[in-house]
Amino acid sequence: MVQQQALKDLRQAFVNFFEHPQHFGYPTFRRKGDREGFRLVGQSFGIQQLSARWGEVRVPKGGRIRFRLSRPLPEGVKSCRINRDCSGRWHASFPGPQPAVSRRPTGAMVGLDRGVAVSVATSDGELLHAPKQDSEQRCRMRRLQRRLARQTKGSNRSARTKLAIGRLKAKERDRRKDWVEKTSTHLVQAYDTVVLESLQVHRMTRSAKGTRERPGRNVRQKAGLNREILASGWGELARRVKEKGEASGVSVVEVSGAFTSQTCAVCWSVRQENRESQAVFHCRDCGHRANADVNAAVVIRERGIWMLAPAAGHAVAARGADRNAGATNRELTLAASAARPAG
């Protein structure tokens, strides 16, 4: 059964690649120590809840194995996946619907601006920072990576060093995941509508190394930026907000993020000089000063309002854009500026 499920996973990987090559790469061979695991379906396994914290699953040829319950078991479980992460921990996961978040309607709307220095800035002025490695952990990570580079590949010492590196990465990943879960739950409970930037994180974090014929530029700087973007949890936060919002009746709207850092949230002028620094926004036309990330979050929220309101479509059509096809980012900003009263 495990081999049959592996073949089904391989078939699904090829289907994903041929149908959506822009999102899925060509299937590759699995490596030792990287996402090791297997899947069980049908009547081959049995789960049982022993207490409020512990459960038990029957693995063929392995007997009954206890696991820690992170949330209540879903009803009608038909499959189970058991895998091992890079830190040596084993996990048992059971597919089930996303549970709804307990909340009350608030009627509030919020815009979210995701960044590197500030992981998430809300239009209400909140600045949220994802937990990252401190200086001591970064130094230890560099020492372990240098040690691994000197060791013989496949030796017992290199395996122990890989395990130490995996545990450091697992701690960082666990802290970031905990922050994402708490932040997404807070946003879903506090707001009825959440407006996000439509960011393609997988493309933004591609390597700039290039090819031998066309080598890239500023490769090391781009690699550092990619690490910071991934450490901020942009994609994971957006995914969890969408999943929890769909299960709890919260609207999640995606708008274009172009020119949000250069647009004034008061007079809606778009200038590159408005962004004085990473944290300071100073409009050259009206003199408005604010935190740059909060100002961008307000612009994102207003774009969500224009997208939801019928008046935005008429304002864009007045600028000569197609009402059904929508408008470009600059046209949308100009149309909103024309639709809003002066001052």
Protein backbone atom coordinates (compact mmCIF):
# COMPACT_ATOMS: atom_id res chain seq x y z
CA MET A 1 0.00 0.00 0.00
CA VAL A 2 2.82 2.41 0.80
CA GLN A 3 4.35 1.77 -2.63
CA GLN A 4 0.99 2.29 -4.34
CA GLN A 5 0.53 5.64 -2.62
CA ALA A 6 4.07 6.66 -3.62
CA LEU A 7 3.19 5.96 -7.27
CA LYS A 8 -0.03 7.96 -6.91
CA ASP A 9 1.95 10.86 -5.47
CA LEU A 10 4.37 10.65 -8.41
CA ARG A 11 1.48 10.68 -10.89
CA GLN A 12 -0.04 13.73 -9.17
CA ALA A 13 3.33 15.49 -9.29
CA PHE A 14 3.53 14.97 -13.07
CA VAL A 15 -0.08 16.12 -13.51
CA ASN A 16 0.68 19.30 -11.55
CA PHE A 17 3.78 19.95 -13.64
CA PHE A 18 2.11 19.51 -17.04
CA GLU A 19 -1.07 21.40 -16.12
CA HIS A 20 0.57 24.26 -14.15
CA PRO A 21 4.26 24.47 -15.13
CA GLN A 22 4.44 28.07 -13.89
CA HIS A 23 3.74 26.91 -10.32
CA PHE A 24 5.18 23.37 -10.17
CA GLY A 25 8.61 22.19 -11.22
CA TYR A 26 9.58 18.92 -12.83
CA PRO A 27 9.39 16.06 -10.26
CA THR A 28 12.77 15.16 -8.80
CA PHE A 29 14.10 12.17 -6.90
CA ARG A 30 13.70 12.19 -3.16
CA ARG A 31 16.86 12.57 -1.12
CA LYS A 32 17.87 10.77 2.03
CA GLY A 33 16.92 12.80 5.08
CA ASP A 34 14.71 15.24 3.13
CA ARG A 35 10.95 14.94 3.82
CA GLU A 36 11.08 11.20 4.47
CA GLY A 37 7.71 9.62 5.06
CA PHE A 38 4.84 7.54 3.75
CA ARG A 39 1.05 7.63 3.42
CA LEU A 40 -1.56 5.14 4.61
CA VAL A 41 -5.15 4.91 3.38
CA GLY A 42 -8.23 2.76 3.85
CA GLN A 43 -8.41 0.29 6.69
CA SER A 44 -4.65 -0.18 7.02
CA PHE A 45 -4.45 2.13 10.02
CA GLY A 46 -6.58 2.91 13.01
CA ILE A 47 -6.53 6.03 15.14
CA GLN A 48 -7.65 6.34 18.72
CA GLN A 49 -7.71 9.28 21.09
CA LEU A 50 -6.26 8.23 24.43
CA SER A 51 -6.60 11.52 26.31
CA ALA A 52 -6.89 15.23 25.72
CA ARG A 53 -3.21 15.39 24.71
CA TRP A 54 -2.34 11.99 23.30
CA GLY A 55 -3.56 9.81 20.47
CA GLU A 56 -2.54 6.50 18.95
CA VAL A 57 -2.20 5.29 15.37
CA ARG A 58 -1.62 1.75 14.10
CA VAL A 59 1.18 1.50 11.54
CA PRO A 60 1.47 -1.79 9.60
CA LYS A 61 4.64 -3.67 10.51
CA GLY A 62 5.28 -1.05 13.20
CA GLY A 63 2.52 -1.55 15.74
CA ARG A 64 0.68 1.15 17.63
CA ILE A 65 2.50 4.46 17.97
CA ARG A 66 1.50 7.32 20.24
CA PHE A 67 1.49 10.92 19.04
CA ARG A 68 0.80 14.32 20.55
CA LEU A 69 -2.55 15.89 19.64
CA SER A 70 -2.09 19.44 18.38
CA ARG A 71 -5.83 19.83 17.71
CA PRO A 72 -8.95 17.60 17.88
CA LEU A 73 -9.00 14.73 15.41
CA PRO A 74 -11.27 15.33 12.37
CA GLU A 75 -14.20 13.01 11.81
CA GLY A 76 -14.17 10.38 9.10
CA VAL A 77 -10.40 10.22 8.64
CA LYS A 78 -9.54 8.15 5.56
CA SER A 79 -5.81 8.72 5.20
CA CYS A 80 -2.74 9.37 7.32
CA ARG A 81 0.66 10.71 6.37
CA ILE A 82 3.67 10.05 8.59
CA ASN A 83 6.86 11.97 7.84
CA ARG A 84 10.17 12.91 9.41
CA ASP A 85 11.51 16.45 9.35
CA CYS A 86 15.14 17.61 9.15
CA SER A 87 15.45 17.75 12.95
CA GLY A 88 14.65 14.05 13.37
CA ARG A 89 11.07 14.50 14.60
CA TRP A 90 8.26 12.30 13.30
CA HIS A 91 4.81 13.74 12.60
CA ALA A 92 1.43 12.14 11.89
CA SER A 93 -1.02 14.29 9.93
CA PHE A 94 -4.66 13.61 9.09
CA PRO A 95 -6.48 15.63 6.38
CA GLY A 96 -9.55 17.48 7.53
CA PRO A 97 -11.45 20.72 7.01
CA GLN A 98 -10.14 23.95 8.50
CA PRO A 99 -12.02 24.57 11.79
CA ALA A 100 -13.81 27.89 12.02
CA VAL A 101 -12.37 30.59 14.27
CA SER A 102 -14.72 31.71 17.02
CA ARG A 103 -15.50 35.35 16.33
CA ARG A 104 -18.18 38.04 16.26
CA PRO A 105 -18.87 40.34 13.29
CA THR A 106 -17.09 43.65 13.74
CA GLY A 107 -17.69 45.40 10.41
CA ALA A 108 -14.06 46.54 10.38
CA MET A 109 -11.73 46.44 7.38
CA VAL A 110 -7.94 46.32 7.44
CA GLY A 111 -5.14 46.56 4.91
CA LEU A 112 -1.88 44.65 5.36
CA ASP A 113 1.50 45.72 4.04
CA ARG A 114 4.17 43.02 4.18
CA GLY A 115 7.81 44.01 4.38
CA VAL A 116 11.27 42.92 5.53
CA ALA A 117 12.11 45.35 8.34
CA VAL A 118 8.49 45.19 9.52
CA SER A 119 6.96 41.83 8.68
CA VAL A 120 3.35 43.11 8.68
CA ALA A 121 2.00 46.63 9.08
CA THR A 122 -1.75 47.14 9.43
CA SER A 123 -3.75 50.18 8.35
CA ASP A 124 -4.66 50.68 12.03
CA GLY A 125 -1.02 51.37 12.89
CA GLU A 126 0.09 47.97 14.23
CA LEU A 127 3.65 46.90 13.42
CA LEU A 128 4.07 43.12 13.68
CA HIS A 129 7.47 41.44 13.57
CA ALA A 130 8.02 37.77 12.78
CA PRO A 131 10.48 36.04 15.14
CA LYS A 132 13.88 35.47 13.55
CA GLN A 133 17.21 34.04 14.59
CA ASP A 134 19.21 36.16 17.01
CA SER A 135 22.91 36.89 16.64
CA GLU A 136 23.98 33.89 18.74
CA GLN A 137 21.90 31.47 16.68
CA ARG A 138 23.18 32.95 13.41
CA CYS A 139 26.78 32.56 14.59
CA ARG A 140 26.16 28.96 15.57
CA MET A 141 24.51 28.27 12.21
CA ARG A 142 27.54 29.65 10.35
CA ARG A 143 29.92 27.56 12.45
CA LEU A 144 27.92 24.40 11.77
CA GLN A 145 27.75 25.09 8.03
CA ARG A 146 31.51 25.64 7.85
CA ARG A 147 32.08 22.45 9.81
CA LEU A 148 29.79 20.53 7.43
CA ALA A 149 31.71 21.87 4.41
CA ARG A 150 34.96 20.43 5.80
CA GLN A 151 33.56 17.00 6.68
CA THR A 152 33.37 13.96 4.44
CA LYS A 153 30.02 13.64 2.72
CA GLY A 154 28.07 10.67 4.04
CA SER A 155 30.14 10.19 7.19
CA ASN A 156 28.71 9.83 10.68
CA ARG A 157 30.13 13.19 11.74
CA SER A 158 28.50 14.96 8.81
CA ALA A 159 25.19 13.28 9.73
CA ARG A 160 25.45 14.63 13.29
CA THR A 161 26.26 18.11 11.97
CA LYS A 162 23.29 17.98 9.58
CA LEU A 163 21.06 17.00 12.48
CA ALA A 164 22.30 19.97 14.53
CA ILE A 165 21.65 22.33 11.61
CA GLY A 166 18.20 20.82 11.14
CA ARG A 167 17.32 21.37 14.78
CA LEU A 168 18.32 25.03 14.60
CA LYS A 169 16.22 25.51 11.47
CA ALA A 170 13.30 23.63 13.03
CA LYS A 171 13.30 25.96 16.04
CA GLU A 172 13.17 29.00 13.77
CA ARG A 173 10.44 27.42 11.64
CA ASP A 174 8.38 26.51 14.71
CA ARG A 175 8.58 30.04 16.10
CA ARG A 176 7.59 31.52 12.74
CA LYS A 177 4.69 29.08 12.36
CA ASP A 178 3.43 29.88 15.86
CA TRP A 179 3.59 33.60 15.06
CA VAL A 180 1.73 33.09 11.77
CA GLU A 181 -1.04 31.09 13.45
CA LYS A 182 -1.55 33.65 16.23
CA THR A 183 -1.38 36.64 13.87
CA SER A 184 -3.81 35.14 11.35
CA THR A 185 -6.27 34.23 14.11
CA HIS A 186 -6.06 37.77 15.52
CA LEU A 187 -6.74 39.29 12.10
CA VAL A 188 -9.69 37.00 11.39
CA GLN A 189 -11.23 37.69 14.80
CA ALA A 190 -10.77 41.48 14.67
CA TYR A 191 -11.83 42.26 11.09
CA ASP A 192 -14.59 41.29 8.68
CA THR A 193 -12.54 42.16 5.57
CA VAL A 194 -8.79 41.73 5.12
CA VAL A 195 -7.06 43.31 2.12
CA LEU A 196 -3.72 41.83 1.01
CA GLU A 197 -1.19 42.64 -1.67
CA SER A 198 -1.19 40.19 -4.54
CA LEU A 199 2.42 39.06 -4.23
CA GLN A 200 4.02 36.10 -6.00
CA VAL A 201 6.50 35.18 -3.31
CA HIS A 202 7.89 32.18 -5.20
CA ARG A 203 8.95 34.48 -8.04
CA MET A 204 10.20 37.25 -5.77
CA THR A 205 12.56 34.83 -4.03
CA ARG A 206 14.10 33.29 -7.13
CA SER A 207 17.88 33.21 -7.34
CA ALA A 208 19.62 35.95 -9.29
CA LYS A 209 22.60 33.73 -10.12
CA GLY A 210 21.66 33.47 -13.79
CA THR A 211 23.48 31.21 -16.23
CA ARG A 212 27.06 30.86 -17.46
CA GLU A 213 26.22 32.77 -20.63
CA ARG A 214 24.21 35.45 -18.81
CA PRO A 215 25.45 35.68 -15.20
CA GLY A 216 23.38 37.62 -12.72
CA ARG A 217 24.26 40.81 -10.87
CA ASN A 218 24.24 41.51 -7.12
CA VAL A 219 23.74 37.80 -6.46
CA ARG A 220 24.78 37.90 -2.80
CA GLN A 221 22.57 40.92 -2.06
CA LYS A 222 19.61 39.23 -3.74
CA ALA A 223 20.26 36.02 -1.78
CA GLY A 224 20.19 37.98 1.49
CA LEU A 225 16.92 39.64 0.47
CA ASN A 226 15.42 36.26 -0.40
CA ARG A 227 16.34 34.90 3.03
CA GLU A 228 14.73 37.87 4.76
CA ILE A 229 11.53 37.56 2.71
CA LEU A 230 11.22 33.86 3.49
CA ALA A 231 12.00 34.46 7.18
CA SER A 232 9.15 37.01 7.34
CA GLY A 233 6.57 34.37 6.43
CA TRP A 234 4.77 36.37 3.71
CA GLY A 235 3.31 33.41 1.86
CA GLU A 236 2.44 31.37 4.95
CA LEU A 237 0.60 34.29 6.57
CA ALA A 238 -1.45 35.01 3.44
CA ARG A 239 -2.34 31.33 3.06
CA ARG A 240 -3.49 30.94 6.65
CA VAL A 241 -5.51 34.17 6.58
CA LYS A 242 -7.30 32.92 3.45
CA GLU A 243 -7.98 29.48 4.91
CA LYS A 244 -9.24 30.77 8.25
CA GLY A 245 -11.21 33.56 6.58
CA GLU A 246 -12.97 31.14 4.25
CA ALA A 247 -13.90 28.87 7.16
CA SER A 248 -15.07 31.76 9.38
CA GLY A 249 -16.91 33.98 6.89
CA VAL A 250 -14.25 36.70 6.59
CA SER A 251 -13.68 38.28 3.16
CA VAL A 252 -10.07 38.28 1.97
CA VAL A 253 -9.40 40.62 -0.96
CA GLU A 254 -6.19 40.77 -2.98
CA VAL A 255 -5.18 43.99 -4.73
CA SER A 256 -2.13 45.06 -6.69
CA GLY A 257 0.76 46.26 -4.57
CA ALA A 258 2.38 48.49 -7.20
CA PHE A 259 3.16 52.08 -6.16
CA THR A 260 1.78 51.56 -2.63
CA SER A 261 5.08 52.71 -1.10
CA GLN A 262 5.06 55.90 -3.21
CA THR A 263 1.35 56.83 -2.93
CA CYS A 264 0.17 59.31 -0.33
CA ALA A 265 -2.84 58.08 1.66
CA VAL A 266 -4.18 61.68 2.01
CA CYS A 267 -3.84 63.39 -1.37
CA TRP A 268 -3.08 60.24 -3.45
CA SER A 269 -0.12 61.73 -5.25
CA VAL A 270 2.41 59.21 -6.58
CA ARG A 271 6.05 60.23 -6.36
CA GLN A 272 9.24 58.32 -5.84
CA GLU A 273 10.54 61.11 -3.60
CA ASN A 274 7.67 60.59 -1.13
CA ARG A 275 9.49 57.63 0.40
CA GLU A 276 12.28 59.38 2.30
CA SER A 277 13.61 56.22 3.96
CA GLN A 278 12.55 52.74 4.93
CA ALA A 279 10.41 53.99 7.83
CA VAL A 280 9.52 57.59 6.89
CA PHE A 281 6.94 58.72 4.35
CA HIS A 282 6.78 62.44 3.50
CA CYS A 283 4.43 63.60 0.77
CA ARG A 284 5.97 66.34 -1.39
CA ASP A 285 2.55 67.72 -2.38
CA CYS A 286 0.51 67.94 0.82
CA GLY A 287 3.23 67.51 3.47
CA HIS A 288 1.68 64.39 5.01
CA ARG A 289 4.11 62.51 7.27
CA ALA A 290 3.58 58.98 8.53
CA ASN A 291 5.24 55.64 8.98
CA ALA A 292 5.95 54.38 5.47
CA ASP A 293 4.61 50.86 6.10
CA VAL A 294 1.42 52.10 7.77
CA ASN A 295 0.84 54.58 4.93
CA ALA A 296 1.19 51.74 2.40
CA ALA A 297 -1.25 49.61 4.42
CA VAL A 298 -3.82 52.44 4.31
CA VAL A 299 -3.40 52.69 0.54
CA ILE A 300 -3.91 48.92 0.25
CA ARG A 301 -7.07 49.13 2.35
CA GLU A 302 -8.44 51.95 0.17
CA ARG A 303 -7.73 49.96 -2.96
CA GLY A 304 -9.74 47.13 -1.46
CA ILE A 305 -12.62 49.53 -0.81
CA TRP A 306 -12.48 50.73 -4.44
CA MET A 307 -12.50 47.15 -5.65
CA LEU A 308 -15.56 46.28 -3.56
CA ALA A 309 -17.47 49.53 -4.17
CA PRO A 310 -19.36 50.04 -7.46
CA ALA A 311 -18.21 53.69 -7.59
CA ALA A 312 -14.65 52.58 -8.20
CA GLY A 313 -15.65 50.89 -11.46
CA HIS A 314 -17.37 54.09 -12.69
CA ALA A 315 -14.36 56.18 -11.71
CA VAL A 316 -11.99 53.88 -13.61
CA ALA A 317 -14.34 53.83 -16.62
CA ALA A 318 -14.30 57.63 -16.63
CA ARG A 319 -10.55 57.42 -17.16
CA GLY A 320 -11.08 55.40 -20.34
CA ALA A 321 -10.34 51.95 -18.90
CA ASP A 322 -12.38 48.88 -19.64
CA ARG A 323 -14.89 48.38 -16.84
CA ASN A 324 -14.76 44.61 -17.06
CA ALA A 325 -11.03 44.20 -17.61
CA GLY A 326 -10.06 46.64 -14.83
CA ALA A 327 -7.26 49.19 -14.89
CA THR A 328 -3.58 49.42 -14.27
CA ASN A 329 -2.21 50.40 -10.87
CA ARG A 330 -1.42 54.00 -11.89
CA GLU A 331 -4.84 54.38 -13.58
CA LEU A 332 -6.51 53.05 -10.45
CA THR A 333 -4.66 55.55 -8.28
CA LEU A 334 -5.44 58.44 -10.62
CA ALA A 335 -9.08 57.42 -10.90
CA ALA A 336 -9.44 57.25 -7.14
CA SER A 337 -7.79 60.67 -6.82
CA ALA A 338 -10.27 62.10 -9.31
CA ALA A 339 -13.23 60.45 -7.57
CA ARG A 340 -12.30 61.72 -4.11
CA PRO A 341 -13.11 65.32 -3.11
CA ALA A 342 -10.21 67.71 -2.72
CA GLY A 343 -8.77 67.76 0.80
